[in-house]
Amino acid sequence: MFTVTSFNEIKLGNDAERLIILRKRLNLNQFQFAKELGISVSYIGQMEREELPFSPHIKAKINEFLKREKELYGKDILSGF
């Protein structure tokens, strides 16, 4: 079983691709994902378009979200991905 517990474990070309794949795998639109992370929709969009870099703070928020989801649902969000 493939287990992801950290944003950086998603092996793709760059952070923007990781974010898009993760958000789509979660079946969340930009608004929903931004709300879950406590950031603005425009910030999500700018990161996905590579207009703004990812900060360690944003990666930490994503990692916290992944841990919380795993605890709630008892499985890895990206299992089988």
Protein backbone atom coordinates (compact mmCIF):
# COMPACT_ATOMS: atom_id res chain seq x y z
CA MET A 1 0.00 0.00 0.00
CA PHE A 2 1.25 3.46 -0.94
CA THR A 3 1.24 5.78 2.06
CA VAL A 4 1.71 9.52 1.86
CA THR A 5 2.17 11.45 5.07
CA SER A 6 3.95 14.48 3.67
CA PHE A 7 3.41 16.85 0.76
CA ASN A 8 6.98 16.33 -0.44
CA GLU A 9 6.42 12.57 -0.81
CA ILE A 10 4.19 13.19 -3.82
CA LYS A 11 6.71 12.67 -6.61
CA LEU A 12 5.94 14.97 -9.51
CA GLY A 13 7.80 17.67 -11.39
CA ASN A 14 7.22 20.52 -8.97
CA ASP A 15 5.17 21.83 -6.07
CA ALA A 16 2.48 23.32 -8.32
CA GLU A 17 1.85 19.93 -9.95
CA ARG A 18 1.75 18.26 -6.53
CA LEU A 19 -0.81 20.76 -5.30
CA ILE A 20 -3.07 20.35 -8.32
CA ILE A 21 -2.95 16.54 -8.20
CA LEU A 22 -3.55 16.49 -4.45
CA ARG A 23 -6.49 18.89 -4.65
CA LYS A 24 -8.09 16.98 -7.52
CA ARG A 25 -7.54 13.64 -5.77
CA LEU A 26 -9.38 15.10 -2.78
CA ASN A 27 -12.23 16.17 -5.10
CA LEU A 28 -11.94 19.73 -3.83
CA ASN A 29 -12.13 22.91 -5.84
CA GLN A 30 -9.76 25.77 -5.11
CA PHE A 31 -12.26 27.46 -2.79
CA GLN A 32 -12.86 24.32 -0.73
CA PHE A 33 -9.16 23.48 -0.44
CA ALA A 34 -8.25 27.06 0.49
CA LYS A 35 -10.91 26.99 3.21
CA GLU A 36 -9.53 23.70 4.60
CA LEU A 37 -6.02 25.18 4.70
CA GLY A 38 -7.10 28.56 6.05
CA ILE A 39 -5.70 30.53 3.13
CA SER A 40 -7.21 32.57 0.31
CA VAL A 41 -8.48 31.15 -2.95
CA SER A 42 -6.30 33.56 -4.89
CA TYR A 43 -3.22 32.27 -3.07
CA ILE A 44 -4.06 28.67 -4.08
CA GLY A 45 -4.50 29.80 -7.68
CA GLN A 46 -1.24 31.72 -7.70
CA MET A 47 0.66 28.73 -6.33
CA GLU A 48 -0.93 26.40 -8.90
CA ARG A 49 0.07 28.80 -11.70
CA GLU A 50 3.57 29.08 -10.21
CA GLU A 51 3.15 32.82 -9.69
CA LEU A 52 4.01 32.47 -6.00
CA PRO A 53 6.41 30.03 -4.38
CA PHE A 54 5.42 27.57 -1.68
CA SER A 55 6.52 28.63 1.76
CA PRO A 56 7.45 26.16 4.49
CA HIS A 57 4.35 27.47 6.31
CA ILE A 58 2.03 26.41 3.46
CA LYS A 59 3.66 22.99 3.18
CA ALA A 60 3.17 22.58 6.95
CA LYS A 61 -0.53 23.45 6.58
CA ILE A 62 -0.91 20.85 3.81
CA ASN A 63 0.91 18.23 5.89
CA GLU A 64 -1.35 18.98 8.88
CA PHE A 65 -4.39 18.60 6.63
CA LEU A 66 -3.12 15.25 5.30
CA LYS A 67 -2.53 13.95 8.83
CA ARG A 68 -5.96 15.13 9.98
CA GLU A 69 -7.67 13.45 7.03
CA LYS A 70 -5.80 10.20 7.64
CA GLU A 71 -6.82 10.24 11.31
CA LEU A 72 -10.46 10.96 10.45
CA TYR A 73 -10.84 8.40 7.70
CA GLY A 74 -8.24 5.83 8.75
CA LYS A 75 -6.66 5.63 5.33
CA ASP A 76 -4.21 7.47 3.18
CA ILE A 77 -5.82 10.01 0.88
CA LEU A 78 -3.55 9.06 -1.99
CA SER A 79 -3.57 5.30 -1.55
CA GLY A 80 -3.68 3.62 -4.91
CA PHE A 81 -2.48 6.79 -6.60
